[in-house]
């Protein structure tokens, strides 16, 4: 959360261990290669990281749509407002451009 970008080698540099950074990076790579992360699990991790478990939340729902080349990307997202910032909890890709009844 404090690094800004998610690069495994940068993340590995912040792990307290006697192993080398490259070894930790390979462990992260193997973990993400073989462990599926679903939306509910990701939301629970975010809630724990933010320290808001058991506290009242303010939620925001947003749909964003943009084009990448010939592909349309349309995402419906629910975020928790934390310190004035919307932190995504769960999202889904919508099947077509524009508004949806999802």
C-alpha atoms as a PDB file:
ATOM      1  CA  UNK A   1       0.000   0.000   0.000  1.00  0.00           C
ATOM      2  CA  UNK A   2       2.890   2.378   0.624  1.00  0.00           C
ATOM      3  CA  UNK A   3       4.947   1.488  -2.451  1.00  0.00           C
ATOM      4  CA  UNK A   4       2.560   2.773  -5.114  1.00  0.00           C
ATOM      5  CA  UNK A   5       3.314   0.177  -7.780  1.00  0.00           C
ATOM      6  CA  UNK A   6       2.972  -3.549  -7.474  1.00  0.00           C
ATOM      7  CA  UNK A   7       6.229  -5.070  -8.670  1.00  0.00           C
ATOM      8  CA  UNK A   8       7.139  -8.338  -7.020  1.00  0.00           C
ATOM      9  CA  UNK A   9      10.815  -7.416  -6.706  1.00  0.00           C
ATOM     10  CA  UNK A  10       9.904  -4.122  -4.992  1.00  0.00           C
ATOM     11  CA  UNK A  11       7.467  -5.890  -2.691  1.00  0.00           C
ATOM     12  CA  UNK A  12      10.062  -8.571  -1.911  1.00  0.00           C
ATOM     13  CA  UNK A  13      12.538  -5.924  -0.755  1.00  0.00           C
ATOM     14  CA  UNK A  14      10.194  -5.077   2.151  1.00  0.00           C
ATOM     15  CA  UNK A  15       9.918  -8.612   3.532  1.00  0.00           C
ATOM     16  CA  UNK A  16      11.932  -9.142   6.709  1.00  0.00           C
ATOM     17  CA  UNK A  17      13.802 -12.393   6.108  1.00  0.00           C
ATOM     18  CA  UNK A  18      17.322 -13.741   5.768  1.00  0.00           C
ATOM     19  CA  UNK A  19      16.507 -14.887   2.201  1.00  0.00           C
ATOM     20  CA  UNK A  20      17.669 -12.825  -0.765  1.00  0.00           C
ATOM     21  CA  UNK A  21      15.268 -10.413  -2.436  1.00  0.00           C
ATOM     22  CA  UNK A  22      15.334 -12.540  -5.592  1.00  0.00           C
ATOM     23  CA  UNK A  23      14.366 -15.640  -3.603  1.00  0.00           C
ATOM     24  CA  UNK A  24      11.433 -13.821  -1.974  1.00  0.00           C
ATOM     25  CA  UNK A  25      10.345 -12.509  -5.394  1.00  0.00           C
ATOM     26  CA  UNK A  26      10.300 -16.082  -6.742  1.00  0.00           C
ATOM     27  CA  UNK A  27       8.180 -17.177  -3.742  1.00  0.00           C
ATOM     28  CA  UNK A  28       5.686 -14.395  -4.485  1.00  0.00           C
ATOM     29  CA  UNK A  29       5.638 -15.383  -8.167  1.00  0.00           C
ATOM     30  CA  UNK A  30       4.915 -19.046  -7.348  1.00  0.00           C
ATOM     31  CA  UNK A  31       2.215 -18.032  -4.851  1.00  0.00           C
ATOM     32  CA  UNK A  32       0.343 -15.808  -7.335  1.00  0.00           C
ATOM     33  CA  UNK A  33       0.809 -18.394 -10.084  1.00  0.00           C
ATOM     34  CA  UNK A  34      -0.857 -21.207  -8.123  1.00  0.00           C
ATOM     35  CA  UNK A  35      -3.239 -19.552  -5.642  1.00  0.00           C
ATOM     36  CA  UNK A  36      -6.446 -18.130  -7.123  1.00  0.00           C
ATOM     37  CA  UNK A  37      -7.612 -14.932  -5.424  1.00  0.00           C
ATOM     38  CA  UNK A  38     -11.347 -14.334  -5.623  1.00  0.00           C
ATOM     39  CA  UNK A  39     -13.093 -11.012  -5.109  1.00  0.00           C
ATOM     40  CA  UNK A  40     -14.388 -11.803  -1.626  1.00  0.00           C
ATOM     41  CA  UNK A  41     -10.926 -12.805  -0.431  1.00  0.00           C
ATOM     42  CA  UNK A  42      -9.422  -9.636  -1.890  1.00  0.00           C
ATOM     43  CA  UNK A  43     -12.077  -7.504  -0.161  1.00  0.00           C
ATOM     44  CA  UNK A  44     -11.347  -9.172   3.196  1.00  0.00           C
ATOM     45  CA  UNK A  45      -7.621  -8.472   2.794  1.00  0.00           C
ATOM     46  CA  UNK A  46      -8.313  -4.800   1.972  1.00  0.00           C
ATOM     47  CA  UNK A  47     -10.635  -4.455   4.984  1.00  0.00           C
ATOM     48  CA  UNK A  48      -7.991  -5.965   7.266  1.00  0.00           C
ATOM     49  CA  UNK A  49      -5.217  -3.766   5.833  1.00  0.00           C
ATOM     50  CA  UNK A  50      -7.313  -0.635   6.331  1.00  0.00           C
ATOM     51  CA  UNK A  51      -8.207  -1.649   9.894  1.00  0.00           C
ATOM     52  CA  UNK A  52     -11.953  -1.127   9.378  1.00  0.00           C
ATOM     53  CA  UNK A  53     -13.226  -4.575  10.330  1.00  0.00           C
ATOM     54  CA  UNK A  54     -16.219  -4.193  12.663  1.00  0.00           C
ATOM     55  CA  UNK A  55     -16.503  -0.433  12.078  1.00  0.00           C
ATOM     56  CA  UNK A  56     -19.187   1.371  10.052  1.00  0.00           C
ATOM     57  CA  UNK A  57     -18.327   1.878   6.362  1.00  0.00           C
ATOM     58  CA  UNK A  58     -19.307   4.377   3.719  1.00  0.00           C
ATOM     59  CA  UNK A  59     -19.534   2.605   0.367  1.00  0.00           C
ATOM     60  CA  UNK A  60     -19.457   4.058  -3.127  1.00  0.00           C
ATOM     61  CA  UNK A  61     -20.568   2.326  -6.300  1.00  0.00           C
ATOM     62  CA  UNK A  62     -19.100   3.444  -9.612  1.00  0.00           C
ATOM     63  CA  UNK A  63     -19.163   2.299 -13.190  1.00  0.00           C
ATOM     64  CA  UNK A  64     -16.415   3.352 -15.522  1.00  0.00           C
ATOM     65  CA  UNK A  65     -16.132   2.728 -19.230  1.00  0.00           C
ATOM     66  CA  UNK A  66     -13.217   3.308 -21.550  1.00  0.00           C
ATOM     67  CA  UNK A  67     -11.785   1.994 -24.791  1.00  0.00           C
ATOM     68  CA  UNK A  68      -8.401   0.397 -25.244  1.00  0.00           C
ATOM     69  CA  UNK A  69      -7.816   0.098 -28.980  1.00  0.00           C
ATOM     70  CA  UNK A  70     -10.848  -1.768 -30.305  1.00  0.00           C
ATOM     71  CA  UNK A  71     -11.690  -3.245 -26.904  1.00  0.00           C
ATOM     72  CA  UNK A  72     -14.257  -1.708 -24.563  1.00  0.00           C
ATOM     73  CA  UNK A  73     -13.541  -1.944 -20.840  1.00  0.00           C
ATOM     74  CA  UNK A  74     -16.580  -1.460 -18.621  1.00  0.00           C
ATOM     75  CA  UNK A  75     -16.152  -2.003 -14.873  1.00  0.00           C
ATOM     76  CA  UNK A  76     -18.723  -1.867 -12.075  1.00  0.00           C
ATOM     77  CA  UNK A  77     -16.995  -1.341  -8.726  1.00  0.00           C
ATOM     78  CA  UNK A  78     -17.853  -1.042  -5.047  1.00  0.00           C
ATOM     79  CA  UNK A  79     -15.345   0.868  -2.933  1.00  0.00           C
ATOM     80  CA  UNK A  80     -15.114   1.739   0.735  1.00  0.00           C
ATOM     81  CA  UNK A  81     -14.395   5.379   1.515  1.00  0.00           C
ATOM     82  CA  UNK A  82     -11.333   5.526   3.741  1.00  0.00           C
ATOM     83  CA  UNK A  83      -9.727   8.854   4.710  1.00  0.00           C
ATOM     84  CA  UNK A  84     -11.542  10.537   1.825  1.00  0.00           C
ATOM     85  CA  UNK A  85     -10.337   8.035  -0.794  1.00  0.00           C
ATOM     86  CA  UNK A  86     -12.351   5.276  -2.472  1.00  0.00           C
ATOM     87  CA  UNK A  87     -10.530   1.952  -2.026  1.00  0.00           C
ATOM     88  CA  UNK A  88     -11.916  -0.783  -4.324  1.00  0.00           C
ATOM     89  CA  UNK A  89     -13.368  -3.786  -2.509  1.00  0.00           C
ATOM     90  CA  UNK A  90     -14.988  -5.766  -5.296  1.00  0.00           C
ATOM     91  CA  UNK A  91     -15.603  -5.269  -9.007  1.00  0.00           C
ATOM     92  CA  UNK A  92     -16.904  -6.994 -12.092  1.00  0.00           C
ATOM     93  CA  UNK A  93     -16.271  -6.519 -15.782  1.00  0.00           C
ATOM     94  CA  UNK A  94     -19.505  -5.782 -17.622  1.00  0.00           C
ATOM     95  CA  UNK A  95     -20.092  -7.487 -20.978  1.00  0.00           C
ATOM     96  CA  UNK A  96     -20.709  -4.391 -23.105  1.00  0.00           C
ATOM     97  CA  UNK A  97     -20.052  -0.667 -23.355  1.00  0.00           C
ATOM     98  CA  UNK A  98     -22.314   1.938 -21.786  1.00  0.00           C
ATOM     99  CA  UNK A  99     -24.840   1.637 -18.995  1.00  0.00           C
ATOM    100  CA  UNK A 100     -26.012  -1.758 -17.842  1.00  0.00           C
ATOM    101  CA  UNK A 101     -28.838  -3.266 -15.818  1.00  0.00           C
ATOM    102  CA  UNK A 102     -26.240  -5.227 -13.803  1.00  0.00           C
END
